[in-house]
Amino acid sequence: MLCSAMASSFPAIAAAAHLRPSVARMPRSGVRPRVPLLCEVVRSSLSARKPLYLIPNRGLCSSKTRGPFSETRAHEASRNDAVPLSGEEESRSAAAQKLKIGFYFATWWALNVVFNIYNKKVLNAFPYPWLTSTLSLAAGSLIMLAFWAARVTEPPKTDLGFWKSLIPVAVAHTIGHVAATVSMSKVAVSFTHIIKSGEPAFTVLVSRFLLGEAFPLSVYLSLLPIIGGCALSALTELNFNITGFMGAMISNLAFVFRNIFSKRGMTGKSVSGMNYYACLSLLSLVILTPFAIAVEGPKVWAAGWQKAITEIGPHFVWWVVAQSVFYHLYNQVSYMSLDEISPLTFSVGNTMKRISVIVSSIIIFRTPIQPVNALGAAVAILGTFLYSQAKL
């Protein structure tokens, strides 16, 4: 009885007195109030949003009570009132957070590796990167529209200003996506990702000369192994192709502008990582579709599709579906991870992701690679890691 009464507050007791006058006003005959009924009313009027600490009335349930109520004091819970976590609980919380981040990274890397494998298989049999890029965006858009319709996730609350700020981000994202796909249709997956590891160099150059941002000397020094490693890898690439090389370089530049526009446009707007990337995919699909039709066209696609089905068989359809779905999923997880980790941790994770893609693609596709080429890739990736540390 006493414990139930201690969970209440003075305003709640006043409300109970108003609702139950027969309980709140004790008759002169000295009959004590029905405390269980009072506690039931008080309990029903409580709010669980913020706990209250009550200094109980010792006479509330005592036989020596002279009146129905005595002075009761209550105060809202604060940080000082919170029970501190023990060392064991803190270690469990830290371990759970590390496990969560590890799960994000493992999922992100695995999905990215699977996407790159199926994407290269599709491009080898169906060398039309504009349609392949369009299908990737279409798959992601359909998945998120289905999620919103089924209320698997809540649709974002957006306005016209949000979509206006998203337009330059979507344009840069579309260019970067198509350029990377064109690159992988011409050269090995490993070579594309070695060149794309040079993205930090583009970030610093654009930020310095176009935005006027200054960086410490350690950042500039970290660019030397990045540029040197990419150059060494390009010069020693056995299957070098200028279109593939330029596609990877354009993709780097486009994604740098995407990040810049995204930071500027999303200031003050609260949209989750999942919904933000979904909106980005929808708008990029609208932008890319007419260009894909103009550059390649349905007639070319139909002939290429028929040829691929003849040579590969029904498995080719699965390849197309897999590369489209996994493209959306790995990007979705990467945007979701940004809600949980710092940009520095994300940058380190992105570096490790490239290593996993490069190594796995070399093994699966049996890409011939020279020791000097491998050295260039290692130096470039090391420079990317040093850059992320220098930005700390």
Protein backbone atom coordinates (compact mmCIF):
# COMPACT_ATOMS: atom_id res chain seq x y z
CA MET A 1 0.00 0.00 0.00
CA LEU A 2 2.71 2.43 1.00
CA CYS A 3 4.80 1.65 -2.13
CA SER A 4 1.82 2.32 -4.36
CA ALA A 5 1.18 5.62 -2.63
CA MET A 6 4.83 6.64 -3.02
CA ALA A 7 4.58 6.37 -6.84
CA SER A 8 2.17 9.33 -6.91
CA SER A 9 2.61 13.10 -6.83
CA PHE A 10 0.79 15.94 -5.10
CA PRO A 11 -0.96 17.23 -8.30
CA ALA A 12 -2.24 13.72 -8.94
CA ILE A 13 -3.64 13.53 -5.37
CA ALA A 14 -5.37 16.85 -5.89
CA ALA A 15 -6.94 15.53 -9.07
CA ALA A 16 -8.10 12.45 -7.22
CA ALA A 17 -9.67 14.63 -4.55
CA HIS A 18 -11.60 16.51 -7.23
CA LEU A 19 -12.83 13.30 -8.87
CA ARG A 20 -13.71 11.48 -5.62
CA PRO A 21 -15.10 14.05 -3.14
CA SER A 22 -16.41 11.30 -0.94
CA VAL A 23 -12.87 9.99 -0.55
CA ALA A 24 -11.03 13.30 -0.27
CA ARG A 25 -13.30 14.71 2.45
CA MET A 26 -13.16 12.59 5.55
CA PRO A 27 -16.33 12.75 7.62
CA ARG A 28 -16.16 14.02 11.19
CA SER A 29 -16.86 10.56 12.48
CA GLY A 30 -13.14 9.85 12.04
CA VAL A 31 -13.54 7.10 9.43
CA ARG A 32 -10.31 6.83 7.46
CA PRO A 33 -10.40 7.32 3.67
CA ARG A 34 -10.37 4.35 1.32
CA VAL A 35 -6.67 4.44 0.50
CA PRO A 36 -6.73 1.55 -2.03
CA LEU A 37 -9.35 3.35 -4.09
CA LEU A 38 -7.43 6.61 -3.84
CA CYS A 39 -4.22 4.92 -4.98
CA GLU A 40 -6.07 3.40 -7.91
CA VAL A 41 -7.29 6.83 -9.07
CA VAL A 42 -3.86 8.37 -8.54
CA ARG A 43 -2.16 5.56 -10.43
CA SER A 44 -4.46 6.05 -13.41
CA SER A 45 -3.67 9.78 -13.56
CA LEU A 46 0.11 9.42 -13.57
CA SER A 47 2.38 10.18 -16.50
CA ALA A 48 5.29 7.84 -17.05
CA ARG A 49 7.24 10.32 -19.14
CA LYS A 50 9.30 11.62 -16.22
CA PRO A 51 9.62 9.88 -12.84
CA LEU A 52 8.77 11.72 -9.62
CA TYR A 53 10.43 11.29 -6.26
CA LEU A 54 7.96 11.54 -3.39
CA ILE A 55 8.74 12.08 0.29
CA PRO A 56 5.94 9.98 1.72
CA ASN A 57 3.47 10.92 4.46
CA ARG A 58 4.13 8.58 7.28
CA GLY A 59 0.63 9.04 8.62
CA LEU A 60 -1.12 8.20 5.38
CA CYS A 61 -1.52 4.57 6.28
CA SER A 62 -1.13 4.96 10.04
CA SER A 63 -3.91 4.47 12.53
CA LYS A 64 -2.88 7.73 14.24
CA THR A 65 -3.67 9.88 11.24
CA ARG A 66 -5.48 13.04 12.31
CA GLY A 67 -6.55 14.14 8.86
CA PRO A 68 -6.96 12.76 5.41
CA PHE A 69 -3.69 14.21 4.15
CA SER A 70 -0.51 15.69 5.53
CA GLU A 71 2.19 17.71 3.78
CA THR A 72 3.72 15.75 0.91
CA ARG A 73 6.67 16.98 -1.13
CA ALA A 74 7.60 15.79 -4.61
CA HIS A 75 10.25 16.77 -7.14
CA GLU A 76 10.98 15.71 -10.71
CA ALA A 77 13.79 13.28 -11.34
CA SER A 78 17.03 14.77 -12.62
CA ARG A 79 20.42 13.49 -13.74
CA ASN A 80 21.66 13.77 -10.17
CA ASP A 81 18.88 11.46 -9.00
CA ALA A 82 19.71 8.78 -11.59
CA VAL A 83 21.37 5.68 -10.31
CA PRO A 84 24.86 5.53 -11.87
CA LEU A 85 25.74 2.50 -13.94
CA SER A 86 28.10 0.04 -12.40
CA GLY A 87 31.39 -0.81 -14.04
CA GLU A 88 29.94 -4.07 -15.34
CA GLU A 89 26.91 -2.33 -16.86
CA GLU A 90 29.10 0.30 -18.52
CA SER A 91 31.30 -2.38 -20.06
CA ARG A 92 28.22 -4.20 -21.33
CA SER A 93 26.90 -0.99 -22.89
CA ALA A 94 30.24 -0.28 -24.59
CA ALA A 95 30.46 -3.86 -25.83
CA ALA A 96 26.93 -3.65 -27.25
CA GLN A 97 27.78 -0.43 -29.10
CA LYS A 98 30.95 -1.98 -30.56
CA LEU A 99 28.98 -5.03 -31.62
CA LYS A 100 26.41 -2.81 -33.32
CA ILE A 101 29.09 -0.86 -35.22
CA GLY A 102 30.79 -4.10 -36.19
CA PHE A 103 27.51 -5.44 -37.52
CA TYR A 104 27.02 -2.30 -39.63
CA PHE A 105 30.52 -2.56 -41.07
CA ALA A 106 30.32 -6.28 -41.79
CA THR A 107 26.93 -5.88 -43.50
CA TRP A 108 28.10 -2.85 -45.47
CA TRP A 109 31.26 -4.58 -46.73
CA ALA A 110 29.51 -7.87 -47.54
CA LEU A 111 26.71 -6.17 -49.51
CA ASN A 112 29.22 -4.04 -51.39
CA VAL A 113 31.34 -7.04 -52.35
CA VAL A 114 28.28 -8.95 -53.60
CA PHE A 115 27.09 -5.94 -55.59
CA ASN A 116 30.45 -5.46 -57.30
CA ILE A 117 30.65 -9.13 -58.25
CA TYR A 118 27.19 -9.27 -59.81
CA ASN A 119 27.58 -5.85 -61.37
CA LYS A 120 30.74 -6.94 -63.17
CA LYS A 121 29.07 -10.18 -64.31
CA VAL A 122 26.17 -8.22 -65.78
CA LEU A 123 28.46 -5.71 -67.50
CA ASN A 124 30.59 -8.49 -69.01
CA ALA A 125 27.51 -10.05 -70.62
CA PHE A 126 25.49 -6.86 -71.15
CA PRO A 127 27.86 -3.88 -71.68
CA TYR A 128 25.29 -1.12 -71.32
CA PRO A 129 26.17 0.81 -68.16
CA TRP A 130 23.49 3.48 -68.58
CA LEU A 131 20.66 0.96 -68.38
CA THR A 132 22.42 -0.98 -65.62
CA SER A 133 22.72 2.22 -63.56
CA THR A 134 19.05 3.03 -64.17
CA LEU A 135 17.93 -0.42 -63.04
CA SER A 136 19.92 -0.06 -59.81
CA LEU A 137 18.17 3.19 -58.94
CA ALA A 138 14.78 1.81 -60.01
CA ALA A 139 15.12 -1.23 -57.75
CA GLY A 140 15.95 0.91 -54.74
CA SER A 141 13.08 3.30 -55.46
CA LEU A 142 10.57 0.44 -55.74
CA ILE A 143 11.81 -1.15 -52.51
CA MET A 144 11.40 2.07 -50.54
CA LEU A 145 8.01 2.90 -52.05
CA ALA A 146 6.83 -0.57 -50.99
CA PHE A 147 8.25 -0.02 -47.49
CA TRP A 148 6.46 3.31 -47.17
CA ALA A 149 3.17 1.89 -48.47
CA ALA A 150 3.32 -1.08 -46.08
CA ARG A 151 4.44 1.17 -43.20
CA VAL A 152 7.56 -0.91 -42.69
CA THR A 153 9.22 2.45 -42.21
CA GLU A 154 7.58 5.82 -41.83
CA PRO A 155 7.72 7.99 -44.98
CA PRO A 156 9.67 11.24 -44.55
CA LYS A 157 7.90 14.52 -43.97
CA THR A 158 9.30 16.70 -46.72
CA ASP A 159 8.44 20.00 -48.34
CA LEU A 160 9.32 21.79 -51.56
CA GLY A 161 12.44 23.26 -49.98
CA PHE A 162 13.75 19.79 -49.19
CA TRP A 163 13.41 18.61 -52.80
CA LYS A 164 14.99 21.80 -54.13
CA SER A 165 18.01 21.31 -51.88
CA LEU A 166 18.18 17.67 -53.00
CA ILE A 167 18.39 18.44 -56.74
CA PRO A 168 22.15 19.27 -56.89
CA VAL A 169 22.88 16.29 -54.64
CA ALA A 170 20.90 14.00 -56.96
CA VAL A 171 22.64 15.38 -60.07
CA ALA A 172 26.07 14.75 -58.58
CA HIS A 173 24.99 11.31 -57.33
CA THR A 174 23.69 10.37 -60.78
CA ILE A 175 26.89 11.43 -62.52
CA GLY A 176 29.07 9.62 -60.01
CA HIS A 177 26.99 6.44 -60.20
CA VAL A 178 26.95 6.29 -64.00
CA ALA A 179 30.66 7.17 -64.29
CA ALA A 180 31.63 4.39 -61.87
CA THR A 181 29.48 1.88 -63.78
CA VAL A 182 31.04 2.96 -67.10
CA SER A 183 34.47 2.49 -65.53
CA MET A 184 33.68 -1.03 -64.36
CA SER A 185 32.34 -1.94 -67.80
CA LYS A 186 35.77 -1.14 -69.30
CA VAL A 187 38.32 -2.19 -66.67
CA ALA A 188 38.66 -4.60 -63.78
CA VAL A 189 36.70 -3.97 -60.61
CA SER A 190 39.93 -3.83 -58.61
CA PHE A 191 41.38 -1.09 -60.83
CA THR A 192 38.23 1.03 -60.58
CA HIS A 193 38.32 0.88 -56.79
CA ILE A 194 42.04 1.62 -56.65
CA ILE A 195 41.41 4.83 -58.59
CA LYS A 196 38.34 5.60 -56.48
CA SER A 197 40.48 5.38 -53.36
CA GLY A 198 41.90 8.72 -54.52
CA GLU A 199 38.64 10.50 -53.64
CA PRO A 200 40.19 12.27 -50.58
CA ALA A 201 42.60 14.08 -52.92
CA PHE A 202 39.64 15.50 -54.87
CA THR A 203 37.94 16.43 -51.60
CA VAL A 204 40.91 18.50 -50.43
CA LEU A 205 41.51 20.15 -53.82
CA VAL A 206 37.87 21.14 -54.31
CA SER A 207 37.49 22.35 -50.73
CA ARG A 208 40.72 24.34 -50.90
CA PHE A 209 40.41 26.05 -54.28
CA LEU A 210 36.63 26.35 -54.69
CA LEU A 211 35.44 26.71 -51.09
CA GLY A 212 38.52 28.37 -49.61
CA GLU A 213 38.92 25.87 -46.77
CA ALA A 214 42.33 25.45 -45.17
CA PHE A 215 43.77 22.14 -43.97
CA PRO A 216 46.71 21.29 -41.71
CA LEU A 217 50.00 20.20 -43.28
CA SER A 218 49.40 16.56 -42.26
CA VAL A 219 46.35 16.41 -44.54
CA TYR A 220 48.31 17.64 -47.56
CA LEU A 221 51.13 15.20 -46.82
CA SER A 222 48.66 12.30 -46.66
CA LEU A 223 47.67 13.06 -50.27
CA LEU A 224 51.14 12.17 -51.55
CA PRO A 225 50.81 8.39 -51.07
CA ILE A 226 47.24 8.52 -52.39
CA ILE A 227 48.22 10.24 -55.64
CA GLY A 228 51.46 8.30 -55.98
CA GLY A 229 49.80 4.93 -55.34
CA CYS A 230 46.98 5.59 -57.83
CA ALA A 231 49.48 6.72 -60.47
CA LEU A 232 51.69 3.67 -59.94
CA SER A 233 48.71 1.35 -60.15
CA ALA A 234 47.43 3.01 -63.35
CA LEU A 235 50.80 2.88 -65.08
CA THR A 236 51.25 -0.81 -64.33
CA GLU A 237 47.67 -1.93 -65.04
CA LEU A 238 47.75 -4.76 -67.57
CA ASN A 239 44.29 -4.04 -69.00
CA PHE A 240 44.40 -0.26 -68.84
CA ASN A 241 41.58 1.59 -70.61
CA ILE A 242 41.34 5.37 -70.79
CA THR A 243 37.53 5.34 -70.66
CA GLY A 244 37.58 3.19 -67.55
CA PHE A 245 40.23 5.38 -65.94
CA MET A 246 38.37 8.63 -66.70
CA GLY A 247 35.10 7.13 -65.50
CA ALA A 248 36.60 6.42 -62.08
CA MET A 249 38.13 9.91 -61.92
CA ILE A 250 34.82 11.59 -62.85
CA SER A 251 33.05 9.46 -60.25
CA ASN A 252 35.48 10.70 -57.59
CA LEU A 253 34.86 14.33 -58.49
CA ALA A 254 31.08 13.90 -58.68
CA PHE A 255 30.86 12.22 -55.29
CA VAL A 256 32.92 15.01 -53.73
CA PHE A 257 30.37 17.56 -54.96
CA ARG A 258 27.56 15.27 -53.81
CA ASN A 259 28.95 15.34 -50.28
CA ILE A 260 29.40 19.13 -50.36
CA PHE A 261 25.88 19.76 -51.67
CA SER A 262 24.45 17.27 -49.20
CA LYS A 263 26.03 19.02 -46.21
CA ARG A 264 24.81 22.42 -47.37
CA GLY A 265 21.32 21.36 -48.36
CA MET A 266 20.52 19.22 -45.33
CA THR A 267 21.44 21.80 -42.68
CA GLY A 268 18.53 22.12 -40.28
CA LYS A 269 16.51 19.29 -41.85
CA SER A 270 15.68 16.13 -39.93
CA VAL A 271 15.40 13.14 -42.27
CA SER A 272 16.75 9.72 -41.35
CA GLY A 273 19.58 8.18 -43.34
CA MET A 274 17.28 5.52 -44.78
CA ASN A 275 14.67 7.99 -46.01
CA TYR A 276 17.26 10.47 -47.22
CA TYR A 277 18.89 7.92 -49.51
CA ALA A 278 15.46 6.73 -50.67
CA CYS A 279 14.53 10.28 -51.75
CA LEU A 280 17.93 10.63 -53.38
CA SER A 281 17.37 7.43 -55.39
CA LEU A 282 13.92 8.55 -56.56
CA LEU A 283 15.15 11.92 -57.77
CA SER A 284 18.26 10.42 -59.39
CA LEU A 285 16.08 7.92 -61.24
CA VAL A 286 13.97 10.74 -62.66
CA ILE A 287 17.12 12.56 -63.80
CA LEU A 288 18.91 9.53 -65.26
CA THR A 289 16.09 7.80 -67.20
CA PRO A 290 15.79 10.24 -70.15
CA PHE A 291 19.58 10.38 -70.56
CA ALA A 292 19.86 6.58 -70.53
CA ILE A 293 17.22 6.35 -73.27
CA ALA A 294 18.98 9.01 -75.33
CA VAL A 295 22.48 7.54 -74.99
CA GLU A 296 21.69 3.84 -75.47
CA GLY A 297 18.03 3.38 -76.29
CA PRO A 298 15.48 0.51 -76.17
CA LYS A 299 16.56 -1.05 -79.50
CA VAL A 300 20.14 -1.49 -78.34
CA TRP A 301 18.94 -2.82 -74.97
CA ALA A 302 16.63 -5.38 -76.58
CA ALA A 303 19.36 -6.74 -78.85
CA GLY A 304 21.90 -6.86 -76.02
CA TRP A 305 19.41 -8.51 -73.66
CA GLN A 306 18.58 -11.23 -76.16
CA LYS A 307 22.27 -11.92 -76.74
CA ALA A 308 22.96 -12.15 -73.01
CA ILE A 309 20.06 -14.55 -72.44
CA THR A 310 21.28 -16.73 -75.31
CA GLU A 311 24.86 -16.88 -74.01
CA ILE A 312 24.27 -16.99 -70.26
CA GLY A 313 20.78 -18.41 -69.92
CA PRO A 314 18.14 -17.61 -67.27
CA HIS A 315 20.87 -16.96 -64.71
CA PHE A 316 21.47 -13.61 -66.36
CA VAL A 317 18.08 -12.33 -65.13
CA TRP A 318 19.08 -13.23 -61.58
CA TRP A 319 22.36 -11.38 -62.02
CA VAL A 320 20.53 -8.22 -63.05
CA VAL A 321 18.10 -8.44 -60.13
CA ALA A 322 20.91 -9.16 -57.67
CA GLN A 323 23.13 -6.28 -58.77
CA SER A 324 20.18 -3.86 -58.67
CA VAL A 325 18.94 -4.91 -55.23
CA PHE A 326 22.38 -5.18 -53.62
CA TYR A 327 23.34 -1.75 -54.94
CA HIS A 328 20.46 -0.23 -53.03
CA LEU A 329 21.04 -2.31 -49.90
CA TYR A 330 24.74 -1.50 -49.51
CA ASN A 331 24.12 2.22 -50.00
CA GLN A 332 21.17 2.05 -47.63
CA VAL A 333 23.28 0.48 -44.89
CA SER A 334 26.08 3.00 -45.44
CA TYR A 335 23.67 5.93 -44.97
CA MET A 336 22.08 4.27 -41.95
CA SER A 337 25.51 3.74 -40.40
CA LEU A 338 26.14 7.48 -40.53
CA ASP A 339 23.37 7.87 -37.93
CA GLU A 340 25.33 5.67 -35.52
CA ILE A 341 29.02 6.43 -36.09
CA SER A 342 31.25 9.45 -36.50
CA PRO A 343 32.42 10.66 -39.94
CA LEU A 344 35.97 9.58 -39.08
CA THR A 345 34.87 6.04 -38.26
CA PHE A 346 32.85 6.00 -41.47
CA SER A 347 35.92 7.11 -43.45
CA VAL A 348 38.04 4.34 -41.96
CA GLY A 349 35.27 1.86 -42.72
CA ASN A 350 35.10 3.07 -46.30
CA THR A 351 38.84 2.47 -46.69
CA MET A 352 38.52 -1.07 -45.37
CA LYS A 353 35.55 -1.62 -47.68
CA ARG A 354 37.70 -0.85 -50.73
CA ILE A 355 40.30 -3.36 -49.55
CA SER A 356 37.68 -6.08 -49.25
CA VAL A 357 36.26 -5.29 -52.71
CA ILE A 358 39.69 -5.20 -54.37
CA VAL A 359 40.87 -8.46 -52.80
CA SER A 360 37.63 -10.35 -53.38
CA SER A 361 37.31 -9.22 -57.02
CA ILE A 362 40.91 -10.26 -57.78
CA ILE A 363 40.22 -13.72 -56.31
CA ILE A 364 36.81 -14.29 -57.90
CA PHE A 365 37.60 -12.93 -61.38
CA ARG A 366 41.22 -14.13 -61.26
CA THR A 367 42.42 -10.72 -62.30
CA PRO A 368 46.10 -10.76 -63.33
CA ILE A 369 48.05 -8.32 -61.22
CA GLN A 370 51.72 -7.47 -61.09
CA PRO A 371 53.61 -6.93 -57.82
CA VAL A 372 54.21 -3.26 -58.70
CA ASN A 373 50.50 -2.82 -59.36
CA ALA A 374 49.67 -4.37 -56.00
CA LEU A 375 52.21 -2.08 -54.33
CA GLY A 376 50.55 0.96 -55.88
CA ALA A 377 47.15 -0.16 -54.59
CA ALA A 378 48.53 -0.72 -51.09
CA VAL A 379 50.23 2.70 -51.01
CA ALA A 380 47.04 4.44 -52.20
CA ILE A 381 44.90 2.72 -49.59
CA LEU A 382 47.45 3.47 -46.87
CA GLY A 383 47.35 7.13 -47.90
CA THR A 384 43.55 7.09 -47.62
CA PHE A 385 43.83 5.75 -44.08
CA LEU A 386 46.44 8.40 -43.15
CA TYR A 387 44.16 11.07 -44.59
CA SER A 388 41.27 9.96 -42.37
CA GLN A 389 43.58 10.10 -39.32
CA ALA A 390 44.94 13.53 -40.27
CA LYS A 391 41.38 14.87 -40.50
CA LEU A 392 40.78 13.96 -36.85
